[in-house]
């Protein structure tokens, strides 16, 4: 529960002089399997297991979303790098590992359900060379309006991290929600510091994964569930959610870029 205080203390003495790399990931090239970022939609899980082609969404509305995603990637990279610097400043009592992979070779549920994902990071608390506690980290960005309304982690984020915690054997996880307007962030205390929720795994997350496998094996698709994420789903070309198609049609054709020199007088 002191992690956010350590972060503030490190930042107070931070003088810069470092750089970090921003990796803008995409869904293309993902291996067929269960991906944590797709848990909210069983049909999307099924498409992935069936190795359906992933196609980048098109249309005017997706341009803004791509910019928003890029900001998220940049803030992820910044926060992960700063956590590493913070741990170095703490002189070895805590270590931070970013982008901790989840893949079938891990065994357990990752192997059982063909999982592929990457957790944002893990803090390892160390005493005399022995790691006695591991705490996961999930970094999310929010607008000021949405941040101010938050009282707990979002349900879809709890489901996503439930998979991380189960497959990586993490007893605790800190949700770092970052306010893009004023750089405030959620502290490492409840409700943003959570314990592994066995009931959520047993009653909701695992049954959804099992169901997706059953649909994929039968060559069938579960019922469509439409939500805001349909707009940038790489399977929307096949799923054809009515609300997304209706919105695209209402926006009209995308504007055509001018040819170089077209504005010369």
C-alpha atoms as a PDB file:
ATOM      1  CA  UNK A   1       0.000   0.000   0.000  1.00  0.00           C
ATOM      2  CA  UNK A   2       3.056   2.291   0.125  1.00  0.00           C
ATOM      3  CA  UNK A   3       3.855   1.940  -3.592  1.00  0.00           C
ATOM      4  CA  UNK A   4       2.088   5.132  -4.666  1.00  0.00           C
ATOM      5  CA  UNK A   5       3.833   7.045  -1.862  1.00  0.00           C
ATOM      6  CA  UNK A   6       7.191   5.691  -3.027  1.00  0.00           C
ATOM      7  CA  UNK A   7       6.305   6.795  -6.557  1.00  0.00           C
ATOM      8  CA  UNK A   8       5.529  10.347  -5.394  1.00  0.00           C
ATOM      9  CA  UNK A   9       8.707  10.476  -3.287  1.00  0.00           C
ATOM     10  CA  UNK A  10      10.831   9.368  -6.235  1.00  0.00           C
ATOM     11  CA  UNK A  11       9.130  11.865  -8.549  1.00  0.00           C
ATOM     12  CA  UNK A  12       9.818  14.708  -6.116  1.00  0.00           C
ATOM     13  CA  UNK A  13      13.571  14.246  -6.626  1.00  0.00           C
ATOM     14  CA  UNK A  14      13.457  13.241 -10.309  1.00  0.00           C
ATOM     15  CA  UNK A  15      15.642  15.492 -12.480  1.00  0.00           C
ATOM     16  CA  UNK A  16      15.144  13.665 -15.776  1.00  0.00           C
ATOM     17  CA  UNK A  17      18.092  12.750 -17.962  1.00  0.00           C
ATOM     18  CA  UNK A  18      16.644   9.512 -19.300  1.00  0.00           C
ATOM     19  CA  UNK A  19      14.655   8.250 -22.254  1.00  0.00           C
ATOM     20  CA  UNK A  20      12.336   5.347 -22.937  1.00  0.00           C
ATOM     21  CA  UNK A  21      10.906   3.560 -25.927  1.00  0.00           C
ATOM     22  CA  UNK A  22       7.201   3.582 -26.814  1.00  0.00           C
ATOM     23  CA  UNK A  23       5.927   0.411 -28.448  1.00  0.00           C
ATOM     24  CA  UNK A  24       2.661   0.979 -30.345  1.00  0.00           C
ATOM     25  CA  UNK A  25       1.259  -2.526 -30.483  1.00  0.00           C
ATOM     26  CA  UNK A  26      -1.559  -3.745 -32.700  1.00  0.00           C
ATOM     27  CA  UNK A  27      -3.816  -6.773 -32.868  1.00  0.00           C
ATOM     28  CA  UNK A  28      -2.461  -7.976 -36.210  1.00  0.00           C
ATOM     29  CA  UNK A  29      -0.215 -10.993 -35.882  1.00  0.00           C
ATOM     30  CA  UNK A  30      -1.712 -12.150 -32.600  1.00  0.00           C
ATOM     31  CA  UNK A  31      -1.613 -15.890 -32.111  1.00  0.00           C
ATOM     32  CA  UNK A  32      -4.958 -17.723 -31.999  1.00  0.00           C
ATOM     33  CA  UNK A  33      -5.927 -18.144 -28.371  1.00  0.00           C
ATOM     34  CA  UNK A  34      -7.353 -16.360 -25.362  1.00  0.00           C
ATOM     35  CA  UNK A  35      -6.225 -12.734 -24.988  1.00  0.00           C
ATOM     36  CA  UNK A  36      -7.080 -10.824 -21.809  1.00  0.00           C
ATOM     37  CA  UNK A  37      -7.959  -7.619 -23.671  1.00  0.00           C
ATOM     38  CA  UNK A  38     -10.717  -9.532 -25.502  1.00  0.00           C
ATOM     39  CA  UNK A  39     -12.391 -11.105 -22.459  1.00  0.00           C
ATOM     40  CA  UNK A  40     -15.340  -8.704 -22.480  1.00  0.00           C
ATOM     41  CA  UNK A  41     -16.768 -10.353 -25.605  1.00  0.00           C
ATOM     42  CA  UNK A  42     -17.150 -14.135 -25.902  1.00  0.00           C
ATOM     43  CA  UNK A  43     -17.670 -13.843 -29.645  1.00  0.00           C
ATOM     44  CA  UNK A  44     -14.348 -12.048 -29.976  1.00  0.00           C
ATOM     45  CA  UNK A  45     -12.660 -14.798 -27.948  1.00  0.00           C
ATOM     46  CA  UNK A  46     -14.221 -17.362 -30.279  1.00  0.00           C
ATOM     47  CA  UNK A  47     -13.033 -15.521 -33.384  1.00  0.00           C
ATOM     48  CA  UNK A  48      -9.498 -15.536 -31.985  1.00  0.00           C
ATOM     49  CA  UNK A  49      -9.583 -19.268 -31.182  1.00  0.00           C
ATOM     50  CA  UNK A  50     -10.885 -19.945 -34.705  1.00  0.00           C
ATOM     51  CA  UNK A  51      -7.949 -17.921 -36.111  1.00  0.00           C
ATOM     52  CA  UNK A  52     -10.287 -15.582 -37.992  1.00  0.00           C
ATOM     53  CA  UNK A  53      -8.493 -12.852 -39.954  1.00  0.00           C
ATOM     54  CA  UNK A  54      -7.941  -9.663 -37.975  1.00  0.00           C
ATOM     55  CA  UNK A  55      -8.587  -6.581 -40.083  1.00  0.00           C
ATOM     56  CA  UNK A  56      -8.000  -3.009 -38.902  1.00  0.00           C
ATOM     57  CA  UNK A  57     -11.319  -1.155 -38.554  1.00  0.00           C
ATOM     58  CA  UNK A  58     -11.914   1.652 -41.016  1.00  0.00           C
ATOM     59  CA  UNK A  59     -13.970   4.840 -41.103  1.00  0.00           C
ATOM     60  CA  UNK A  60     -13.670   8.424 -39.834  1.00  0.00           C
ATOM     61  CA  UNK A  61     -14.448   7.560 -36.193  1.00  0.00           C
ATOM     62  CA  UNK A  62     -11.463   5.229 -35.850  1.00  0.00           C
ATOM     63  CA  UNK A  63      -8.905   8.006 -36.460  1.00  0.00           C
ATOM     64  CA  UNK A  64      -9.533   9.645 -33.088  1.00  0.00           C
ATOM     65  CA  UNK A  65      -9.499   6.270 -31.317  1.00  0.00           C
ATOM     66  CA  UNK A  66      -6.075   5.485 -32.773  1.00  0.00           C
ATOM     67  CA  UNK A  67      -4.736   8.777 -31.434  1.00  0.00           C
ATOM     68  CA  UNK A  68      -6.207   7.965 -28.014  1.00  0.00           C
ATOM     69  CA  UNK A  69      -4.621   4.507 -28.064  1.00  0.00           C
ATOM     70  CA  UNK A  70      -1.252   6.060 -28.973  1.00  0.00           C
ATOM     71  CA  UNK A  71      -1.469   8.371 -25.956  1.00  0.00           C
ATOM     72  CA  UNK A  72      -2.216   5.316 -23.831  1.00  0.00           C
ATOM     73  CA  UNK A  73       0.835   3.485 -25.179  1.00  0.00           C
ATOM     74  CA  UNK A  74       3.030   6.508 -24.437  1.00  0.00           C
ATOM     75  CA  UNK A  75       1.757   6.824 -20.854  1.00  0.00           C
ATOM     76  CA  UNK A  76       2.239   3.089 -20.317  1.00  0.00           C
ATOM     77  CA  UNK A  77       5.863   3.318 -21.434  1.00  0.00           C
ATOM     78  CA  UNK A  78       6.505   6.400 -19.284  1.00  0.00           C
ATOM     79  CA  UNK A  79       4.981   4.880 -16.142  1.00  0.00           C
ATOM     80  CA  UNK A  80       6.708   1.529 -16.574  1.00  0.00           C
ATOM     81  CA  UNK A  81      10.093   3.225 -17.047  1.00  0.00           C
ATOM     82  CA  UNK A  82       9.540   5.464 -14.028  1.00  0.00           C
ATOM     83  CA  UNK A  83       8.633   2.465 -11.872  1.00  0.00           C
ATOM     84  CA  UNK A  84      11.991   0.911 -12.799  1.00  0.00           C
ATOM     85  CA  UNK A  85      13.800   4.124 -11.869  1.00  0.00           C
ATOM     86  CA  UNK A  86      11.839   4.301  -8.616  1.00  0.00           C
ATOM     87  CA  UNK A  87      12.897   0.769  -7.685  1.00  0.00           C
ATOM     88  CA  UNK A  88      16.550   1.546  -8.444  1.00  0.00           C
ATOM     89  CA  UNK A  89      16.215   4.597  -6.194  1.00  0.00           C
ATOM     90  CA  UNK A  90      14.894   2.311  -3.427  1.00  0.00           C
ATOM     91  CA  UNK A  91      18.184   0.389  -3.696  1.00  0.00           C
ATOM     92  CA  UNK A  92      17.042  -3.153  -4.225  1.00  0.00           C
ATOM     93  CA  UNK A  93      14.184  -3.588  -1.769  1.00  0.00           C
ATOM     94  CA  UNK A  94      11.691  -3.715  -4.669  1.00  0.00           C
ATOM     95  CA  UNK A  95      12.145  -4.717  -8.308  1.00  0.00           C
ATOM     96  CA  UNK A  96       9.825  -3.959 -11.229  1.00  0.00           C
ATOM     97  CA  UNK A  97       9.438  -6.100 -14.343  1.00  0.00           C
ATOM     98  CA  UNK A  98       7.366  -4.731 -17.198  1.00  0.00           C
ATOM     99  CA  UNK A  99       5.365  -6.563 -19.889  1.00  0.00           C
ATOM    100  CA  UNK A 100       5.272  -9.930 -18.137  1.00  0.00           C
ATOM    101  CA  UNK A 101       4.251 -12.494 -20.735  1.00  0.00           C
ATOM    102  CA  UNK A 102       1.479 -15.064 -20.480  1.00  0.00           C
ATOM    103  CA  UNK A 103       1.733 -18.003 -22.887  1.00  0.00           C
ATOM    104  CA  UNK A 104       0.872 -21.724 -22.902  1.00  0.00           C
ATOM    105  CA  UNK A 105       4.417 -22.751 -21.968  1.00  0.00           C
ATOM    106  CA  UNK A 106       3.787 -21.324 -18.485  1.00  0.00           C
ATOM    107  CA  UNK A 107       1.591 -24.333 -17.774  1.00  0.00           C
ATOM    108  CA  UNK A 108      -1.499 -24.233 -15.587  1.00  0.00           C
ATOM    109  CA  UNK A 109      -4.497 -22.365 -16.975  1.00  0.00           C
ATOM    110  CA  UNK A 110      -2.318 -20.611 -19.560  1.00  0.00           C
ATOM    111  CA  UNK A 111      -1.592 -23.986 -21.130  1.00  0.00           C
ATOM    112  CA  UNK A 112      -5.078 -25.388 -20.516  1.00  0.00           C
ATOM    113  CA  UNK A 113      -6.861 -22.524 -22.270  1.00  0.00           C
ATOM    114  CA  UNK A 114      -4.151 -21.414 -24.787  1.00  0.00           C
ATOM    115  CA  UNK A 115      -3.604 -17.991 -23.265  1.00  0.00           C
ATOM    116  CA  UNK A 116      -1.518 -15.229 -24.798  1.00  0.00           C
ATOM    117  CA  UNK A 117      -1.262 -11.865 -23.056  1.00  0.00           C
ATOM    118  CA  UNK A 118       1.087  -9.494 -21.326  1.00  0.00           C
ATOM    119  CA  UNK A 119       0.602  -7.928 -17.903  1.00  0.00           C
ATOM    120  CA  UNK A 120       1.777  -4.323 -17.600  1.00  0.00           C
ATOM    121  CA  UNK A 121       4.150  -5.200 -14.791  1.00  0.00           C
ATOM    122  CA  UNK A 122       4.956  -6.889 -11.492  1.00  0.00           C
ATOM    123  CA  UNK A 123       6.550  -5.429  -8.364  1.00  0.00           C
ATOM    124  CA  UNK A 124       8.668  -7.975  -6.482  1.00  0.00           C
ATOM    125  CA  UNK A 125       9.356  -7.205  -2.809  1.00  0.00           C
ATOM    126  CA  UNK A 126      12.749  -8.563  -1.780  1.00  0.00           C
ATOM    127  CA  UNK A 127      14.448  -9.220   1.549  1.00  0.00           C
ATOM    128  CA  UNK A 128      17.963 -10.669   1.728  1.00  0.00           C
ATOM    129  CA  UNK A 129      17.693 -11.900  -1.833  1.00  0.00           C
ATOM    130  CA  UNK A 130      14.340 -13.625  -1.276  1.00  0.00           C
ATOM    131  CA  UNK A 131      11.147 -12.488  -3.042  1.00  0.00           C
ATOM    132  CA  UNK A 132       8.391 -12.628  -0.455  1.00  0.00           C
ATOM    133  CA  UNK A 133       5.593 -10.752  -2.275  1.00  0.00           C
ATOM    134  CA  UNK A 134       4.639 -10.052  -5.896  1.00  0.00           C
ATOM    135  CA  UNK A 135       2.138  -7.336  -6.806  1.00  0.00           C
ATOM    136  CA  UNK A 136       0.792  -6.944 -10.327  1.00  0.00           C
ATOM    137  CA  UNK A 137       0.255  -3.566 -11.987  1.00  0.00           C
ATOM    138  CA  UNK A 138      -2.373  -2.583 -14.534  1.00  0.00           C
ATOM    139  CA  UNK A 139      -2.020   0.884 -16.091  1.00  0.00           C
ATOM    140  CA  UNK A 140      -5.047   2.589 -17.616  1.00  0.00           C
ATOM    141  CA  UNK A 141      -5.611   6.128 -18.884  1.00  0.00           C
ATOM    142  CA  UNK A 142      -8.805   8.112 -18.333  1.00  0.00           C
ATOM    143  CA  UNK A 143     -10.146  11.503 -19.311  1.00  0.00           C
ATOM    144  CA  UNK A 144     -10.691  13.932 -16.450  1.00  0.00           C
ATOM    145  CA  UNK A 145     -14.465  13.568 -16.759  1.00  0.00           C
ATOM    146  CA  UNK A 146     -14.365   9.773 -16.493  1.00  0.00           C
ATOM    147  CA  UNK A 147     -11.649   9.775 -13.830  1.00  0.00           C
ATOM    148  CA  UNK A 148     -13.667  12.044 -11.549  1.00  0.00           C
ATOM    149  CA  UNK A 149     -16.630   9.642 -11.738  1.00  0.00           C
ATOM    150  CA  UNK A 150     -14.614   6.576 -10.769  1.00  0.00           C
ATOM    151  CA  UNK A 151     -15.118   4.946  -7.384  1.00  0.00           C
ATOM    152  CA  UNK A 152     -13.545   1.563  -8.193  1.00  0.00           C
ATOM    153  CA  UNK A 153     -11.874  -0.314 -11.079  1.00  0.00           C
ATOM    154  CA  UNK A 154     -14.055  -0.911 -14.120  1.00  0.00           C
ATOM    155  CA  UNK A 155     -15.716  -4.335 -14.320  1.00  0.00           C
ATOM    156  CA  UNK A 156     -14.114  -5.211 -17.655  1.00  0.00           C
ATOM    157  CA  UNK A 157     -10.695  -4.337 -16.212  1.00  0.00           C
ATOM    158  CA  UNK A 158     -11.314  -6.549 -13.184  1.00  0.00           C
ATOM    159  CA  UNK A 159     -12.085  -9.443 -15.534  1.00  0.00           C
ATOM    160  CA  UNK A 160      -8.956  -8.794 -17.575  1.00  0.00           C
ATOM    161  CA  UNK A 161      -6.667  -8.659 -14.540  1.00  0.00           C
ATOM    162  CA  UNK A 162      -8.362 -11.706 -13.015  1.00  0.00           C
ATOM    163  CA  UNK A 163      -6.852 -13.681 -15.906  1.00  0.00           C
ATOM    164  CA  UNK A 164      -3.434 -12.112 -15.264  1.00  0.00           C
ATOM    165  CA  UNK A 165      -3.565 -12.889 -11.568  1.00  0.00           C
ATOM    166  CA  UNK A 166      -4.715 -16.475 -12.084  1.00  0.00           C
ATOM    167  CA  UNK A 167      -2.162 -17.352 -14.758  1.00  0.00           C
ATOM    168  CA  UNK A 168       0.776 -15.519 -13.104  1.00  0.00           C
ATOM    169  CA  UNK A 169      -0.136 -16.505  -9.525  1.00  0.00           C
ATOM    170  CA  UNK A 170      -0.446 -12.934  -8.259  1.00  0.00           C
ATOM    171  CA  UNK A 171      -2.200 -12.402  -4.911  1.00  0.00           C
ATOM    172  CA  UNK A 172      -2.433  -8.606  -5.300  1.00  0.00           C
ATOM    173  CA  UNK A 173      -2.706  -6.069  -8.116  1.00  0.00           C
ATOM    174  CA  UNK A 174      -2.612  -2.264  -8.242  1.00  0.00           C
ATOM    175  CA  UNK A 175      -4.768  -0.435 -10.786  1.00  0.00           C
ATOM    176  CA  UNK A 176      -2.961   2.733 -11.840  1.00  0.00           C
ATOM    177  CA  UNK A 177      -5.655   4.858 -13.485  1.00  0.00           C
ATOM    178  CA  UNK A 178      -3.915   7.928 -14.916  1.00  0.00           C
ATOM    179  CA  UNK A 179      -5.856  11.165 -15.391  1.00  0.00           C
ATOM    180  CA  UNK A 180      -4.717  12.527 -18.763  1.00  0.00           C
ATOM    181  CA  UNK A 181      -5.854  16.067 -17.879  1.00  0.00           C
ATOM    182  CA  UNK A 182      -3.981  16.708 -14.620  1.00  0.00           C
ATOM    183  CA  UNK A 183      -1.661  13.675 -14.134  1.00  0.00           C
ATOM    184  CA  UNK A 184      -3.388  12.485 -10.968  1.00  0.00           C
ATOM    185  CA  UNK A 185      -3.412   8.725 -10.497  1.00  0.00           C
ATOM    186  CA  UNK A 186      -5.155   6.224  -8.249  1.00  0.00           C
ATOM    187  CA  UNK A 187      -3.301   5.230  -5.052  1.00  0.00           C
ATOM    188  CA  UNK A 188      -2.039   1.760  -4.189  1.00  0.00           C
ATOM    189  CA  UNK A 189      -4.785   1.176  -1.646  1.00  0.00           C
ATOM    190  CA  UNK A 190      -8.307  -0.292  -1.813  1.00  0.00           C
ATOM    191  CA  UNK A 191     -10.354  -0.217  -3.953  1.00  0.00           C
ATOM    192  CA  UNK A 192      -7.500   0.180  -6.471  1.00  0.00           C
ATOM    193  CA  UNK A 193      -5.317  -2.389  -4.742  1.00  0.00           C
ATOM    194  CA  UNK A 194      -7.193  -5.663  -5.136  1.00  0.00           C
ATOM    195  CA  UNK A 195      -6.836  -9.276  -4.058  1.00  0.00           C
ATOM    196  CA  UNK A 196      -7.317 -12.135  -6.482  1.00  0.00           C
ATOM    197  CA  UNK A 197     -11.067 -12.694  -6.783  1.00  0.00           C
ATOM    198  CA  UNK A 198     -11.586 -16.464  -6.918  1.00  0.00           C
ATOM    199  CA  UNK A 199     -15.357 -16.081  -7.250  1.00  0.00           C
ATOM    200  CA  UNK A 200     -14.975 -13.816 -10.295  1.00  0.00           C
ATOM    201  CA  UNK A 201     -12.699 -16.403 -11.906  1.00  0.00           C
ATOM    202  CA  UNK A 202     -14.889 -19.416 -11.038  1.00  0.00           C
ATOM    203  CA  UNK A 203     -18.267 -17.861 -11.841  1.00  0.00           C
ATOM    204  CA  UNK A 204     -17.586 -15.535 -14.743  1.00  0.00           C
ATOM    205  CA  UNK A 205     -14.143 -15.429 -16.355  1.00  0.00           C
ATOM    206  CA  UNK A 206     -13.377 -19.149 -16.618  1.00  0.00           C
ATOM    207  CA  UNK A 207     -16.903 -20.097 -17.824  1.00  0.00           C
ATOM    208  CA  UNK A 208     -16.660 -17.452 -20.558  1.00  0.00           C
ATOM    209  CA  UNK A 209     -13.310 -18.864 -21.685  1.00  0.00           C
ATOM    210  CA  UNK A 210     -14.585 -22.447 -21.580  1.00  0.00           C
ATOM    211  CA  UNK A 211     -17.655 -21.418 -23.575  1.00  0.00           C
ATOM    212  CA  UNK A 212     -15.505 -19.766 -26.247  1.00  0.00           C
ATOM    213  CA  UNK A 213     -13.490 -22.959 -26.637  1.00  0.00           C
ATOM    214  CA  UNK A 214     -16.696 -24.982 -27.001  1.00  0.00           C
ATOM    215  CA  UNK A 215     -18.048 -22.619 -29.657  1.00  0.00           C
ATOM    216  CA  UNK A 216     -14.743 -22.648 -31.555  1.00  0.00           C
ATOM    217  CA  UNK A 217     -14.567 -26.442 -31.516  1.00  0.00           C
ATOM    218  CA  UNK A 218     -18.107 -26.688 -32.865  1.00  0.00           C
ATOM    219  CA  UNK A 219     -17.450 -24.056 -35.534  1.00  0.00           C
ATOM    220  CA  UNK A 220     -20.262 -21.876 -34.198  1.00  0.00           C
ATOM    221  CA  UNK A 221     -20.397 -18.330 -32.870  1.00  0.00           C
ATOM    222  CA  UNK A 222     -22.006 -17.159 -29.608  1.00  0.00           C
ATOM    223  CA  UNK A 223     -24.675 -14.480 -29.658  1.00  0.00           C
ATOM    224  CA  UNK A 224     -23.451 -11.015 -30.545  1.00  0.00           C
ATOM    225  CA  UNK A 225     -23.046  -8.601 -27.617  1.00  0.00           C
ATOM    226  CA  UNK A 226     -22.602  -5.037 -28.787  1.00  0.00           C
ATOM    227  CA  UNK A 227     -20.689  -2.419 -26.845  1.00  0.00           C
ATOM    228  CA  UNK A 228     -18.459   0.612 -27.384  1.00  0.00           C
ATOM    229  CA  UNK A 229     -15.434  -1.585 -28.129  1.00  0.00           C
ATOM    230  CA  UNK A 230     -17.109  -2.928 -31.291  1.00  0.00           C
ATOM    231  CA  UNK A 231     -15.946   0.244 -33.074  1.00  0.00           C
ATOM    232  CA  UNK A 232     -12.301  -0.849 -33.030  1.00  0.00           C
ATOM    233  CA  UNK A 233     -12.716  -4.631 -32.940  1.00  0.00           C
ATOM    234  CA  UNK A 234     -10.554  -6.315 -35.638  1.00  0.00           C
ATOM    235  CA  UNK A 235     -13.329  -8.857 -36.199  1.00  0.00           C
ATOM    236  CA  UNK A 236     -16.117  -6.337 -36.861  1.00  0.00           C
ATOM    237  CA  UNK A 237     -15.713  -6.909 -40.619  1.00  0.00           C
ATOM    238  CA  UNK A 238     -17.015 -10.437 -40.053  1.00  0.00           C
ATOM    239  CA  UNK A 239     -19.310  -9.860 -37.078  1.00  0.00           C
ATOM    240  CA  UNK A 240     -21.025  -6.857 -38.713  1.00  0.00           C
ATOM    241  CA  UNK A 241     -22.533  -5.364 -35.524  1.00  0.00           C
ATOM    242  CA  UNK A 242     -25.571  -3.295 -36.599  1.00  0.00           C
ATOM    243  CA  UNK A 243     -24.836  -0.328 -34.325  1.00  0.00           C
ATOM    244  CA  UNK A 244     -21.329   0.101 -35.753  1.00  0.00           C
ATOM    245  CA  UNK A 245     -22.516  -0.147 -39.357  1.00  0.00           C
ATOM    246  CA  UNK A 246     -25.293   2.352 -38.636  1.00  0.00           C
ATOM    247  CA  UNK A 247     -22.830   4.825 -37.125  1.00  0.00           C
ATOM    248  CA  UNK A 248     -20.448   4.453 -40.054  1.00  0.00           C
ATOM    249  CA  UNK A 249     -23.236   5.084 -42.530  1.00  0.00           C
ATOM    250  CA  UNK A 250     -24.440   8.143 -40.628  1.00  0.00           C
ATOM    251  CA  UNK A 251     -20.956   9.651 -40.783  1.00  0.00           C
ATOM    252  CA  UNK A 252     -20.862   9.385 -44.561  1.00  0.00           C
ATOM    253  CA  UNK A 253     -17.750   8.614 -46.602  1.00  0.00           C
ATOM    254  CA  UNK A 254     -14.355   9.362 -45.158  1.00  0.00           C
ATOM    255  CA  UNK A 255     -12.766  12.559 -46.385  1.00  0.00           C
ATOM    256  CA  UNK A 256     -10.157  12.103 -49.118  1.00  0.00           C
ATOM    257  CA  UNK A 257      -6.659  13.440 -48.483  1.00  0.00           C
ATOM    258  CA  UNK A 258      -5.628  16.232 -50.857  1.00  0.00           C
ATOM    259  CA  UNK A 259      -2.845  15.508 -53.287  1.00  0.00           C
ATOM    260  CA  UNK A 260       0.460  17.297 -52.644  1.00  0.00           C
ATOM    261  CA  UNK A 261       0.350  20.776 -54.104  1.00  0.00           C
ATOM    262  CA  UNK A 262      -3.451  20.838 -54.397  1.00  0.00           C
ATOM    263  CA  UNK A 263      -3.686  23.974 -52.228  1.00  0.00           C
ATOM    264  CA  UNK A 264      -1.169  25.996 -54.185  1.00  0.00           C
ATOM    265  CA  UNK A 265      -2.439  29.214 -55.718  1.00  0.00           C
END
